[in-house]
Amino acid sequence: MNSLQQKLDSFSRLLTIMEDLREKCPWDQKQTMETLRPLTIEETYELGDAILDGDLEEVKKELGDIMLHMVFYSKIGSEKGAFDIADVLNGICEKLISRHPHIYGDVKVSGEEEVKENWEKLKLKEGKKSVLSGVPKSLPSMVKATRIQEKARGIGFDWEKTEQVWEKVNEELEELKVEVAKNDIQKTEAEFGDLLFSMINLARFLKIDPESALERTNKKFIKRFTHIEETAVRNGTSISDMNLAQMEEIWEEAKKL
């Protein structure tokens, strides 16, 4: 691994390159925070893919792309006279020190859960109007639900036992069945949302990240479905010409593979 000085030198190198690009490259000169935003979101999802795939080489590359974006935003901020990279880094350093009194102060904690509880309480003391105010509005719904639940737990608003969450899941499932039977679309949607929320709660109690779990299932489905398509091509036909029984037979074959 590189020494601390080597790490500082590489960061300095990136800052220097950013200065050059902003001064000399037509594309980089035109970028704004608004134009970079969708690219940053895309890069973040690409990092997520690499993590789920367990591809550390790709994780390294995607981290580099995201690091570039962070430096880019900081450069634009400095051009606006609002902040620069030093302000950004010092800001997060001060926040980390403030939020970790058990490391940088005399507070004692019993474990991870108490650290989380203290974190949320400290945020409120810093002026946050709500425990939930730190959840970004544009987060995907499943990730947002997870973060909402985690933050509520941080101040003690949560189920005590996994069995209670199971009961809630079953309760929401029964309520959904009632509305489906009534054919009430609006209430069915509402109950379906409640069921999903309770399932995400259950995932949290089971120490499962629901977003990662669903994405792994997505990948598994894609792999098996692609196997059906490829098998059809090898047999000189098309998946659209196959009946359900034929597709299910190949699906089971894909599961064994």
Protein backbone atom coordinates (compact mmCIF):
# COMPACT_ATOMS: atom_id res chain seq x y z
CA MET A 1 0.00 0.00 0.00
CA ASN A 2 1.04 3.58 -0.63
CA SER A 3 2.41 5.77 2.15
CA LEU A 4 0.50 8.79 3.46
CA GLN A 5 2.79 11.09 1.46
CA GLN A 6 2.14 9.13 -1.73
CA LYS A 7 -1.60 9.42 -1.12
CA LEU A 8 -1.30 13.17 -0.60
CA ASP A 9 0.83 13.49 -3.74
CA SER A 10 -1.75 11.61 -5.84
CA PHE A 11 -4.55 13.85 -4.54
CA SER A 12 -2.45 16.91 -5.33
CA ARG A 13 -1.89 15.50 -8.84
CA LEU A 14 -5.65 15.17 -9.37
CA LEU A 15 -6.22 18.75 -8.22
CA THR A 16 -3.56 19.97 -10.66
CA ILE A 17 -5.10 18.02 -13.55
CA MET A 18 -8.52 19.47 -12.68
CA GLU A 19 -7.09 22.96 -12.91
CA ASP A 20 -5.64 22.16 -16.34
CA LEU A 21 -8.88 20.64 -17.64
CA ARG A 22 -11.01 23.54 -16.46
CA GLU A 23 -8.63 25.99 -18.12
CA LYS A 24 -7.91 24.22 -21.40
CA CYS A 25 -10.57 21.58 -22.26
CA PRO A 26 -13.71 22.88 -24.06
CA TRP A 27 -15.93 20.14 -22.60
CA ASP A 28 -14.71 20.60 -19.02
CA GLN A 29 -15.03 24.36 -19.32
CA LYS A 30 -18.73 24.07 -20.18
CA GLN A 31 -19.69 21.85 -17.24
CA THR A 32 -21.80 23.12 -14.35
CA MET A 33 -23.00 21.47 -11.15
CA GLU A 34 -26.32 20.87 -12.91
CA THR A 35 -24.76 19.15 -15.93
CA LEU A 36 -22.53 17.01 -13.72
CA ARG A 37 -25.38 15.88 -11.45
CA PRO A 38 -26.83 13.13 -13.72
CA LEU A 39 -23.32 11.90 -14.53
CA THR A 40 -22.50 11.65 -10.83
CA ILE A 41 -25.68 9.65 -10.19
CA GLU A 42 -24.73 7.30 -13.03
CA GLU A 43 -21.21 6.86 -11.67
CA THR A 44 -22.61 6.08 -8.23
CA TYR A 45 -24.81 3.32 -9.65
CA GLU A 46 -21.83 1.94 -11.59
CA LEU A 47 -19.90 1.79 -8.32
CA GLY A 48 -22.85 -0.03 -6.76
CA ASP A 49 -22.81 -2.58 -9.60
CA ALA A 50 -19.09 -3.19 -9.14
CA ILE A 51 -19.55 -3.71 -5.40
CA LEU A 52 -22.36 -6.22 -5.91
CA ASP A 53 -20.28 -8.03 -8.53
CA GLY A 54 -17.37 -8.22 -6.10
CA ASP A 55 -15.09 -6.71 -8.77
CA LEU A 56 -12.49 -4.81 -6.74
CA GLU A 57 -10.61 -3.62 -9.82
CA GLU A 58 -13.81 -2.07 -11.13
CA VAL A 59 -14.58 -0.64 -7.68
CA LYS A 60 -11.20 1.12 -7.79
CA LYS A 61 -11.95 2.61 -11.22
CA GLU A 62 -15.43 3.79 -10.24
CA LEU A 63 -14.12 5.35 -7.03
CA GLY A 64 -11.68 7.30 -9.19
CA ASP A 65 -14.54 8.57 -11.35
CA ILE A 66 -16.52 9.68 -8.30
CA MET A 67 -13.44 11.29 -6.76
CA LEU A 68 -13.00 13.27 -9.97
CA HIS A 69 -16.59 14.49 -9.69
CA MET A 70 -16.08 15.61 -6.08
CA VAL A 71 -13.00 17.58 -7.11
CA PHE A 72 -14.91 18.99 -10.11
CA TYR A 73 -17.77 20.27 -7.93
CA SER A 74 -15.25 21.81 -5.55
CA LYS A 75 -13.49 23.56 -8.43
CA ILE A 76 -16.79 25.03 -9.65
CA GLY A 77 -17.57 26.08 -6.08
CA SER A 78 -14.25 27.92 -5.85
CA GLU A 79 -14.94 29.72 -9.15
CA LYS A 80 -18.22 30.93 -7.65
CA GLY A 81 -16.39 32.11 -4.54
CA ALA A 82 -18.52 29.78 -2.41
CA PHE A 83 -16.06 27.09 -1.25
CA ASP A 84 -13.03 25.12 -2.40
CA ILE A 85 -11.77 21.58 -1.81
CA ALA A 86 -10.11 22.60 1.48
CA ASP A 87 -13.43 23.92 2.78
CA VAL A 88 -15.14 20.67 1.76
CA LEU A 89 -12.55 18.46 3.45
CA ASN A 90 -12.31 20.59 6.59
CA GLY A 91 -16.09 20.63 6.80
CA ILE A 92 -16.38 16.85 6.81
CA CYS A 93 -13.45 16.57 9.26
CA GLU A 94 -15.17 18.92 11.71
CA LYS A 95 -18.45 17.02 11.33
CA LEU A 96 -16.76 13.68 12.00
CA ILE A 97 -15.04 15.01 15.10
CA SER A 98 -18.29 16.55 16.37
CA ARG A 99 -20.31 13.38 15.70
CA HIS A 100 -17.77 11.07 17.37
CA PRO A 101 -17.52 12.36 20.95
CA HIS A 102 -16.71 8.79 22.03
CA ILE A 103 -13.45 9.13 20.06
CA TYR A 104 -12.66 12.84 20.33
CA GLY A 105 -14.35 13.52 23.67
CA ASP A 106 -15.17 11.84 26.95
CA VAL A 107 -18.45 10.15 25.95
CA LYS A 108 -18.67 6.38 26.57
CA VAL A 109 -20.66 4.05 24.31
CA SER A 110 -21.60 0.41 24.68
CA GLY A 111 -21.54 -0.45 20.99
CA GLU A 112 -22.65 0.31 17.44
CA GLU A 113 -26.33 0.94 18.26
CA GLU A 114 -25.51 3.60 20.82
CA VAL A 115 -23.17 5.28 18.33
CA LYS A 116 -26.08 5.50 15.85
CA GLU A 117 -28.43 6.89 18.50
CA ASN A 118 -25.91 9.55 19.54
CA TRP A 119 -25.33 10.46 15.87
CA GLU A 120 -29.01 11.31 15.32
CA LYS A 121 -29.29 13.19 18.63
CA LEU A 122 -26.22 15.26 17.78
CA LYS A 123 -27.72 16.17 14.40
CA LEU A 124 -30.80 17.56 16.14
CA LYS A 125 -28.59 19.59 18.48
CA GLU A 126 -26.83 21.01 15.42
CA GLY A 127 -30.11 22.54 14.28
CA LYS A 128 -31.77 19.84 12.17
CA LYS A 129 -35.54 20.39 12.37
CA SER A 130 -36.34 16.71 11.97
CA VAL A 131 -34.58 13.39 12.34
CA LEU A 132 -35.81 12.61 8.80
CA SER A 133 -34.64 15.88 7.23
CA GLY A 134 -31.36 14.29 6.17
CA VAL A 135 -33.04 11.78 3.86
CA PRO A 136 -32.65 13.05 0.27
CA LYS A 137 -35.97 13.54 -1.54
CA SER A 138 -34.65 12.08 -4.79
CA LEU A 139 -33.48 8.76 -3.31
CA PRO A 140 -35.02 5.67 -4.91
CA SER A 141 -38.07 4.69 -2.85
CA MET A 142 -36.63 1.46 -1.46
CA VAL A 143 -33.40 3.11 -0.34
CA LYS A 144 -35.39 6.03 1.08
CA ALA A 145 -37.62 3.70 3.11
CA THR A 146 -34.55 1.99 4.55
CA ARG A 147 -32.95 5.28 5.53
CA ILE A 148 -36.20 6.59 7.05
CA GLN A 149 -36.47 3.49 9.21
CA GLU A 150 -32.82 3.62 10.23
CA LYS A 151 -33.12 7.26 11.27
CA ALA A 152 -36.32 6.62 13.24
CA ARG A 153 -34.54 3.75 15.00
CA GLY A 154 -31.71 6.14 15.86
CA ILE A 155 -33.96 7.97 18.33
CA GLY A 156 -35.66 4.80 19.61
CA PHE A 157 -38.79 4.69 17.41
CA ASP A 158 -38.71 1.06 16.32
CA TRP A 159 -39.98 -2.44 16.97
CA GLU A 160 -38.30 -4.31 19.80
CA LYS A 161 -38.36 -7.84 18.34
CA THR A 162 -38.23 -9.42 14.90
CA GLU A 163 -41.41 -11.34 15.73
CA GLN A 164 -43.30 -8.04 15.93
CA VAL A 165 -42.15 -7.12 12.46
CA TRP A 166 -43.27 -10.51 11.13
CA GLU A 167 -46.71 -9.86 12.63
CA LYS A 168 -46.83 -6.47 10.91
CA VAL A 169 -45.87 -8.02 7.55
CA ASN A 170 -48.65 -10.61 7.88
CA GLU A 171 -51.12 -7.93 8.96
CA GLU A 172 -50.28 -5.77 5.92
CA LEU A 173 -50.51 -8.79 3.61
CA GLU A 174 -54.01 -9.59 4.86
CA GLU A 175 -55.09 -5.96 4.44
CA LEU A 176 -53.77 -6.02 0.88
CA LYS A 177 -55.76 -9.18 0.11
CA VAL A 178 -58.95 -7.48 1.36
CA GLU A 179 -58.51 -4.49 -0.97
CA VAL A 180 -57.58 -6.71 -3.92
CA ALA A 181 -60.81 -8.65 -3.37
CA LYS A 182 -62.74 -5.37 -3.35
CA ASN A 183 -61.00 -4.35 -6.60
CA ASP A 184 -60.26 -0.92 -5.12
CA ILE A 185 -57.18 0.20 -7.07
CA GLN A 186 -56.28 3.21 -4.92
CA LYS A 187 -56.55 1.35 -1.61
CA THR A 188 -54.78 -1.66 -3.12
CA GLU A 189 -51.86 0.57 -4.08
CA ALA A 190 -51.78 2.07 -0.59
CA GLU A 191 -51.80 -1.36 1.08
CA PHE A 192 -49.17 -2.64 -1.34
CA GLY A 193 -46.95 0.29 -0.32
CA ASP A 194 -47.54 -0.52 3.35
CA LEU A 195 -46.59 -4.15 2.70
CA LEU A 196 -43.38 -3.14 0.94
CA PHE A 197 -42.50 -0.77 3.78
CA SER A 198 -43.03 -3.53 6.34
CA MET A 199 -40.95 -5.96 4.23
CA ILE A 200 -38.11 -3.44 4.18
CA ASN A 201 -38.46 -3.20 7.95
CA LEU A 202 -38.18 -6.97 8.17
CA ALA A 203 -35.07 -6.93 5.96
CA ARG A 204 -33.49 -4.43 8.33
CA PHE A 205 -34.17 -6.68 11.33
CA LEU A 206 -32.75 -9.65 9.43
CA LYS A 207 -29.58 -7.61 8.68
CA ILE A 208 -30.32 -7.66 4.93
CA ASP A 209 -29.99 -4.67 2.62
CA PRO A 210 -33.24 -4.87 0.60
CA GLU A 211 -31.84 -2.86 -2.30
CA SER A 212 -28.87 -5.19 -2.68
CA ALA A 213 -31.06 -8.26 -2.22
CA LEU A 214 -33.48 -7.15 -4.96
CA GLU A 215 -30.65 -6.20 -7.31
CA ARG A 216 -29.04 -9.61 -6.87
CA THR A 217 -32.40 -11.17 -7.73
CA ASN A 218 -32.61 -8.90 -10.78
CA LYS A 219 -29.20 -10.07 -11.92
CA LYS A 220 -30.16 -13.70 -11.31
CA PHE A 221 -33.36 -13.31 -13.34
CA ILE A 222 -31.50 -11.62 -16.21
CA LYS A 223 -28.91 -14.41 -16.28
CA ARG A 224 -31.54 -17.16 -16.37
CA PHE A 225 -33.78 -15.37 -18.88
CA THR A 226 -30.79 -14.71 -21.14
CA HIS A 227 -30.03 -18.45 -20.97
CA ILE A 228 -33.53 -19.15 -22.33
CA GLU A 229 -32.96 -16.71 -25.19
CA GLU A 230 -29.54 -18.15 -26.03
CA THR A 231 -30.89 -21.71 -25.90
CA ALA A 232 -33.68 -20.76 -28.28
CA VAL A 233 -31.17 -19.30 -30.74
CA ARG A 234 -28.98 -22.43 -30.54
CA ASN A 235 -32.08 -24.50 -31.34
CA GLY A 236 -32.78 -22.37 -34.38
CA THR A 237 -35.84 -20.64 -32.98
CA SER A 238 -36.84 -17.54 -31.01
CA ILE A 239 -38.03 -17.14 -27.44
CA SER A 240 -41.21 -15.53 -28.77
CA ASP A 241 -42.02 -18.79 -30.58
CA MET A 242 -41.73 -20.91 -27.43
CA ASN A 243 -44.62 -21.77 -25.14
CA LEU A 244 -44.49 -21.32 -21.35
CA ALA A 245 -43.78 -25.00 -20.66
CA GLN A 246 -40.74 -24.93 -22.94
CA MET A 247 -39.44 -21.77 -21.34
CA GLU A 248 -39.94 -23.13 -17.82
CA GLU A 249 -38.01 -26.28 -18.72
CA ILE A 250 -34.99 -24.24 -19.83
CA TRP A 251 -35.44 -21.96 -16.80
CA GLU A 252 -35.03 -24.94 -14.49
CA GLU A 253 -31.95 -25.93 -16.48
CA ALA A 254 -30.56 -22.44 -15.96
CA LYS A 255 -31.15 -22.72 -12.19
CA LYS A 256 -29.04 -25.88 -12.08
CA LEU A 257 -26.28 -24.15 -14.04
